[in-house]
Amino acid sequence: METSFYDSAFFTYGLLPALIFFSRVLDVTIGTIRIVMVSKGHKLWAPLLGFFEILIWLIAISKIFQNLDNWFCYIAYAAGFACGNYVGLLIEEKLAVGIVKLQIITRKEASKLIENLTAAGYGITHHHAQGANEKVSIIHSIIQRSEIKKVETIVKTTNPKAFYSVEDVKFVNEGVFPIHPARFRLRKGK
């Protein structure tokens, strides 16, 4: 008696677990990005991503239930979940969606750092404060998340010993942001 492709050992213990693994990677990756979109207030992207996330999950879990005696599917499902989290975080990091608040605390005089940040187009708020052991300068700036590396370069070049922290910001009313020619052309053409 001839067995069908779907009953073969290759399909049952190789291809099916691989498909479950990749389905799981895809749905968890989409879920990770969806969570970021929810936290950033993207009302259109979050439900759209959620639709595809749950559709893919339903397909994957239905294959698990159809093959309850195949422990390779369980391993693939769990491995896909773990890998999907990792891939989702990598993609989210590359997307760099949103706005962040940068706080820079510097022991040395901050005028050169302030000058370099404002020359690069970043809006800043500056004040003097008393640190644990000495007087410090505190600089605040609201920037696009995609600009973090550029600002870090300015800070490290100007004042390599400065302490800085980055916090997510959900909403900004007004602010001073660098003008990028490509972005300006897109907005102007609307």
C-alpha atoms as a PDB file:
ATOM      1  CA  MET A   1       0.000   0.000   0.000  1.00  0.00           C
ATOM      2  CA  GLU A   2       1.357   3.359  -1.053  1.00  0.00           C
ATOM      3  CA  THR A   3       1.357   6.187   1.509  1.00  0.00           C
ATOM      4  CA  SER A   4       0.492   9.744   0.560  1.00  0.00           C
ATOM      5  CA  PHE A   5       2.961  12.584   0.879  1.00  0.00           C
ATOM      6  CA  TYR A   6       1.058  13.908   3.932  1.00  0.00           C
ATOM      7  CA  ASP A   7       1.447  10.561   5.698  1.00  0.00           C
ATOM      8  CA  SER A   8       5.154  10.243   4.928  1.00  0.00           C
ATOM      9  CA  ALA A   9       7.819  10.478   7.639  1.00  0.00           C
ATOM     10  CA  PHE A  10       9.389  13.423   5.787  1.00  0.00           C
ATOM     11  CA  PHE A  11       6.187  15.457   6.061  1.00  0.00           C
ATOM     12  CA  THR A  12       5.246  14.343   9.594  1.00  0.00           C
ATOM     13  CA  TYR A  13       8.647  14.749  11.260  1.00  0.00           C
ATOM     14  CA  GLY A  14      10.348  17.274   8.999  1.00  0.00           C
ATOM     15  CA  LEU A  15       8.192  19.559   6.906  1.00  0.00           C
ATOM     16  CA  LEU A  16       5.208  19.903   9.268  1.00  0.00           C
ATOM     17  CA  PRO A  17       7.343  20.892  12.293  1.00  0.00           C
ATOM     18  CA  ALA A  18       9.301  23.302  10.068  1.00  0.00           C
ATOM     19  CA  LEU A  19       6.071  24.923   8.868  1.00  0.00           C
ATOM     20  CA  ILE A  20       4.820  25.197  12.455  1.00  0.00           C
ATOM     21  CA  PHE A  21       8.168  26.709  13.513  1.00  0.00           C
ATOM     22  CA  PHE A  22       8.135  29.362  10.770  1.00  0.00           C
ATOM     23  CA  SER A  23       4.435  30.113  11.316  1.00  0.00           C
ATOM     24  CA  ARG A  24       5.144  30.662  14.993  1.00  0.00           C
ATOM     25  CA  VAL A  25       8.172  32.866  14.262  1.00  0.00           C
ATOM     26  CA  LEU A  26       5.996  34.958  11.963  1.00  0.00           C
ATOM     27  CA  ASP A  27       3.011  35.310  14.300  1.00  0.00           C
ATOM     28  CA  VAL A  28       5.122  36.119  17.383  1.00  0.00           C
ATOM     29  CA  THR A  29       7.209  38.611  15.386  1.00  0.00           C
ATOM     30  CA  ILE A  30       4.012  40.312  14.226  1.00  0.00           C
ATOM     31  CA  GLY A  31       2.707  40.215  17.815  1.00  0.00           C
ATOM     32  CA  THR A  32       5.839  41.880  19.162  1.00  0.00           C
ATOM     33  CA  ILE A  33       5.582  44.665  16.598  1.00  0.00           C
ATOM     34  CA  ARG A  34       1.828  44.970  17.286  1.00  0.00           C
ATOM     35  CA  ILE A  35       2.504  45.509  21.001  1.00  0.00           C
ATOM     36  CA  VAL A  36       4.952  48.284  20.126  1.00  0.00           C
ATOM     37  CA  MET A  37       2.361  49.881  17.844  1.00  0.00           C
ATOM     38  CA  VAL A  38      -0.236  49.726  20.637  1.00  0.00           C
ATOM     39  CA  SER A  39       2.168  51.357  23.090  1.00  0.00           C
ATOM     40  CA  LYS A  40       2.964  54.098  20.555  1.00  0.00           C
ATOM     41  CA  GLY A  41      -0.724  54.765  19.879  1.00  0.00           C
ATOM     42  CA  HIS A  42      -0.778  53.626  16.225  1.00  0.00           C
ATOM     43  CA  LYS A  43      -4.499  52.915  15.999  1.00  0.00           C
ATOM     44  CA  LEU A  44      -4.484  51.612  12.421  1.00  0.00           C
ATOM     45  CA  TRP A  45      -1.424  49.360  12.514  1.00  0.00           C
ATOM     46  CA  ALA A  46      -2.179  47.569  15.796  1.00  0.00           C
ATOM     47  CA  PRO A  47      -5.504  45.962  14.752  1.00  0.00           C
ATOM     48  CA  LEU A  48      -4.231  45.184  11.239  1.00  0.00           C
ATOM     49  CA  LEU A  49      -1.179  43.389  12.626  1.00  0.00           C
ATOM     50  CA  GLY A  50      -3.379  41.693  15.240  1.00  0.00           C
ATOM     51  CA  PHE A  51      -5.592  40.240  12.504  1.00  0.00           C
ATOM     52  CA  PHE A  52      -2.669  38.549  10.750  1.00  0.00           C
ATOM     53  CA  GLU A  53      -1.053  37.525  14.041  1.00  0.00           C
ATOM     54  CA  ILE A  54      -4.108  35.595  15.222  1.00  0.00           C
ATOM     55  CA  LEU A  55      -4.856  34.150  11.758  1.00  0.00           C
ATOM     56  CA  ILE A  56      -1.364  32.645  11.539  1.00  0.00           C
ATOM     57  CA  TRP A  57      -1.577  31.451  15.158  1.00  0.00           C
ATOM     58  CA  LEU A  58      -4.894  29.676  14.473  1.00  0.00           C
ATOM     59  CA  ILE A  59      -3.396  27.851  11.511  1.00  0.00           C
ATOM     60  CA  ALA A  60      -0.339  26.777  13.537  1.00  0.00           C
ATOM     61  CA  ILE A  61      -2.306  25.643  16.594  1.00  0.00           C
ATOM     62  CA  SER A  62      -4.783  23.718  14.427  1.00  0.00           C
ATOM     63  CA  LYS A  63      -1.862  21.708  13.010  1.00  0.00           C
ATOM     64  CA  ILE A  64      -0.679  20.988  16.567  1.00  0.00           C
ATOM     65  CA  PHE A  65      -4.146  19.643  17.492  1.00  0.00           C
ATOM     66  CA  GLN A  66      -4.260  17.554  14.335  1.00  0.00           C
ATOM     67  CA  ASN A  67      -0.929  15.977  15.316  1.00  0.00           C
ATOM     68  CA  LEU A  68      -1.151  15.565  19.088  1.00  0.00           C
ATOM     69  CA  ASP A  69       1.053  12.470  19.020  1.00  0.00           C
ATOM     70  CA  ASN A  70       3.915  14.258  17.195  1.00  0.00           C
ATOM     71  CA  TRP A  71       6.225  15.790  19.805  1.00  0.00           C
ATOM     72  CA  PHE A  72       8.375  17.316  17.009  1.00  0.00           C
ATOM     73  CA  CYS A  73       5.475  19.731  16.451  1.00  0.00           C
ATOM     74  CA  TYR A  74       5.554  20.749  20.132  1.00  0.00           C
ATOM     75  CA  ILE A  75       9.290  21.447  19.966  1.00  0.00           C
ATOM     76  CA  ALA A  76       8.837  23.422  16.735  1.00  0.00           C
ATOM     77  CA  TYR A  77       5.978  25.431  18.275  1.00  0.00           C
ATOM     78  CA  ALA A  78       8.015  26.373  21.368  1.00  0.00           C
ATOM     79  CA  ALA A  79      11.185  27.096  19.376  1.00  0.00           C
ATOM     80  CA  GLY A  80       9.192  29.277  16.977  1.00  0.00           C
ATOM     81  CA  PHE A  81       7.800  31.257  19.899  1.00  0.00           C
ATOM     82  CA  ALA A  82      11.281  31.892  21.319  1.00  0.00           C
ATOM     83  CA  CYS A  83      12.765  32.781  17.941  1.00  0.00           C
ATOM     84  CA  GLY A  84       9.788  35.002  17.075  1.00  0.00           C
ATOM     85  CA  ASN A  85      10.364  37.103  20.185  1.00  0.00           C
ATOM     86  CA  TYR A  86      13.992  37.609  19.208  1.00  0.00           C
ATOM     87  CA  VAL A  87      13.208  38.433  15.565  1.00  0.00           C
ATOM     88  CA  GLY A  88      10.388  40.785  16.614  1.00  0.00           C
ATOM     89  CA  LEU A  89      12.698  42.710  18.925  1.00  0.00           C
ATOM     90  CA  LEU A  90      15.351  42.989  16.197  1.00  0.00           C
ATOM     91  CA  ILE A  91      12.808  44.346  13.721  1.00  0.00           C
ATOM     92  CA  GLU A  92      11.341  46.720  16.304  1.00  0.00           C
ATOM     93  CA  GLU A  93      14.832  48.039  17.035  1.00  0.00           C
ATOM     94  CA  LYS A  94      15.442  48.652  13.318  1.00  0.00           C
ATOM     95  CA  LEU A  95      12.073  50.382  12.870  1.00  0.00           C
ATOM     96  CA  ALA A  96      12.880  52.800  15.733  1.00  0.00           C
ATOM     97  CA  VAL A  97       9.291  54.055  15.826  1.00  0.00           C
ATOM     98  CA  GLY A  98       8.330  56.860  18.149  1.00  0.00           C
ATOM     99  CA  ILE A  99       9.682  59.667  20.239  1.00  0.00           C
ATOM    100  CA  VAL A 100      11.996  59.548  23.237  1.00  0.00           C
ATOM    101  CA  LYS A 101      13.071  61.906  25.981  1.00  0.00           C
ATOM    102  CA  LEU A 102      16.813  62.168  26.382  1.00  0.00           C
ATOM    103  CA  GLN A 103      18.216  63.416  29.683  1.00  0.00           C
ATOM    104  CA  ILE A 104      21.917  64.233  29.792  1.00  0.00           C
ATOM    105  CA  ILE A 105      23.699  64.994  33.071  1.00  0.00           C
ATOM    106  CA  THR A 106      27.152  66.472  32.772  1.00  0.00           C
ATOM    107  CA  ARG A 107      29.694  67.469  35.403  1.00  0.00           C
ATOM    108  CA  LYS A 108      31.697  69.757  33.168  1.00  0.00           C
ATOM    109  CA  GLU A 109      30.422  72.972  31.644  1.00  0.00           C
ATOM    110  CA  ALA A 110      27.627  72.110  29.209  1.00  0.00           C
ATOM    111  CA  SER A 111      27.771  75.072  26.813  1.00  0.00           C
ATOM    112  CA  LYS A 112      29.741  73.232  24.091  1.00  0.00           C
ATOM    113  CA  LEU A 113      27.389  70.238  24.245  1.00  0.00           C
ATOM    114  CA  ILE A 114      24.359  72.542  24.104  1.00  0.00           C
ATOM    115  CA  GLU A 115      25.903  74.369  21.143  1.00  0.00           C
ATOM    116  CA  ASN A 116      26.553  71.103  19.265  1.00  0.00           C
ATOM    117  CA  LEU A 117      23.044  69.760  19.925  1.00  0.00           C
ATOM    118  CA  THR A 118      21.311  72.982  18.840  1.00  0.00           C
ATOM    119  CA  ALA A 119      23.586  73.261  15.763  1.00  0.00           C
ATOM    120  CA  ALA A 120      22.399  69.773  14.779  1.00  0.00           C
ATOM    121  CA  GLY A 121      18.795  71.011  15.032  1.00  0.00           C
ATOM    122  CA  TYR A 122      17.776  69.443  18.330  1.00  0.00           C
ATOM    123  CA  GLY A 123      15.670  71.418  20.768  1.00  0.00           C
ATOM    124  CA  ILE A 124      17.002  71.367  24.300  1.00  0.00           C
ATOM    125  CA  THR A 125      16.048  72.537  27.762  1.00  0.00           C
ATOM    126  CA  HIS A 126      18.939  73.129  30.127  1.00  0.00           C
ATOM    127  CA  HIS A 127      19.227  73.831  33.828  1.00  0.00           C
ATOM    128  CA  HIS A 128      21.805  73.646  36.586  1.00  0.00           C
ATOM    129  CA  ALA A 129      21.334  71.280  39.508  1.00  0.00           C
ATOM    130  CA  GLN A 130      23.104  69.886  42.532  1.00  0.00           C
ATOM    131  CA  GLY A 131      24.312  66.307  42.067  1.00  0.00           C
ATOM    132  CA  ALA A 132      25.363  63.947  44.855  1.00  0.00           C
ATOM    133  CA  ASN A 133      28.852  65.418  45.087  1.00  0.00           C
ATOM    134  CA  GLU A 134      28.949  68.532  42.915  1.00  0.00           C
ATOM    135  CA  LYS A 135      27.047  70.936  40.714  1.00  0.00           C
ATOM    136  CA  VAL A 136      25.876  69.459  37.403  1.00  0.00           C
ATOM    137  CA  SER A 137      24.138  70.581  34.228  1.00  0.00           C
ATOM    138  CA  ILE A 138      21.031  68.745  33.059  1.00  0.00           C
ATOM    139  CA  ILE A 139      19.976  68.844  29.424  1.00  0.00           C
ATOM    140  CA  HIS A 140      16.601  67.516  28.250  1.00  0.00           C
ATOM    141  CA  SER A 141      15.679  66.896  24.640  1.00  0.00           C
ATOM    142  CA  ILE A 142      12.747  65.226  22.921  1.00  0.00           C
ATOM    143  CA  ILE A 143      13.937  63.436  19.781  1.00  0.00           C
ATOM    144  CA  GLN A 144      12.790  60.903  17.240  1.00  0.00           C
ATOM    145  CA  ARG A 145      13.827  57.429  18.331  1.00  0.00           C
ATOM    146  CA  SER A 146      15.642  56.969  15.031  1.00  0.00           C
ATOM    147  CA  GLU A 147      17.921  59.892  16.012  1.00  0.00           C
ATOM    148  CA  ILE A 148      19.297  58.309  19.219  1.00  0.00           C
ATOM    149  CA  LYS A 149      22.586  57.176  17.637  1.00  0.00           C
ATOM    150  CA  LYS A 150      23.239  60.633  16.148  1.00  0.00           C
ATOM    151  CA  VAL A 151      22.645  62.334  19.492  1.00  0.00           C
ATOM    152  CA  GLU A 152      24.756  59.734  21.318  1.00  0.00           C
ATOM    153  CA  THR A 153      27.604  60.491  18.907  1.00  0.00           C
ATOM    154  CA  ILE A 154      27.344  64.204  19.652  1.00  0.00           C
ATOM    155  CA  VAL A 155      27.295  63.565  23.412  1.00  0.00           C
ATOM    156  CA  LYS A 156      30.201  61.100  23.336  1.00  0.00           C
ATOM    157  CA  THR A 157      32.288  63.353  21.105  1.00  0.00           C
ATOM    158  CA  THR A 158      31.649  66.510  23.129  1.00  0.00           C
ATOM    159  CA  ASN A 159      31.510  65.069  26.642  1.00  0.00           C
ATOM    160  CA  PRO A 160      32.385  61.359  26.792  1.00  0.00           C
ATOM    161  CA  LYS A 161      31.841  61.166  30.578  1.00  0.00           C
ATOM    162  CA  ALA A 162      28.309  62.567  30.459  1.00  0.00           C
ATOM    163  CA  PHE A 163      25.570  60.398  31.960  1.00  0.00           C
ATOM    164  CA  TYR A 164      22.442  60.088  29.855  1.00  0.00           C
ATOM    165  CA  SER A 165      19.194  58.163  29.900  1.00  0.00           C
ATOM    166  CA  VAL A 166      16.482  57.565  27.316  1.00  0.00           C
ATOM    167  CA  GLU A 167      12.751  57.204  28.042  1.00  0.00           C
ATOM    168  CA  ASP A 168       9.850  56.444  25.697  1.00  0.00           C
ATOM    169  CA  VAL A 169       7.368  59.250  25.129  1.00  0.00           C
ATOM    170  CA  LYS A 170       3.880  58.487  23.867  1.00  0.00           C
ATOM    171  CA  PHE A 171       2.838  61.971  22.770  1.00  0.00           C
ATOM    172  CA  VAL A 172       4.420  65.376  22.161  1.00  0.00           C
ATOM    173  CA  ASN A 173       2.423  68.544  21.594  1.00  0.00           C
ATOM    174  CA  GLU A 174       5.114  70.798  20.138  1.00  0.00           C
ATOM    175  CA  GLY A 175       8.864  70.795  19.896  1.00  0.00           C
ATOM    176  CA  VAL A 176      12.010  71.549  17.955  1.00  0.00           C
ATOM    177  CA  PHE A 177      13.122  68.685  15.737  1.00  0.00           C
ATOM    178  CA  PRO A 178      15.834  68.590  13.065  1.00  0.00           C
ATOM    179  CA  ILE A 179      14.534  69.128   9.543  1.00  0.00           C
ATOM    180  CA  HIS A 180      15.547  66.346   7.192  1.00  0.00           C
ATOM    181  CA  PRO A 181      15.400  67.374   3.514  1.00  0.00           C
ATOM    182  CA  ALA A 182      13.832  64.081   2.381  1.00  0.00           C
ATOM    183  CA  ARG A 183      11.118  64.240   5.052  1.00  0.00           C
ATOM    184  CA  PHE A 184      10.507  67.924   4.343  1.00  0.00           C
ATOM    185  CA  ARG A 185       9.949  67.235   0.639  1.00  0.00           C
ATOM    186  CA  LEU A 186       7.438  64.503   1.479  1.00  0.00           C
ATOM    187  CA  ARG A 187       5.465  66.755   3.806  1.00  0.00           C
ATOM    188  CA  LYS A 188       5.627  69.683   1.408  1.00  0.00           C
ATOM    189  CA  GLY A 189       4.220  67.585  -1.426  1.00  0.00           C
ATOM    190  CA  LYS A 190       1.043  66.662   0.504  1.00  0.00           C
END
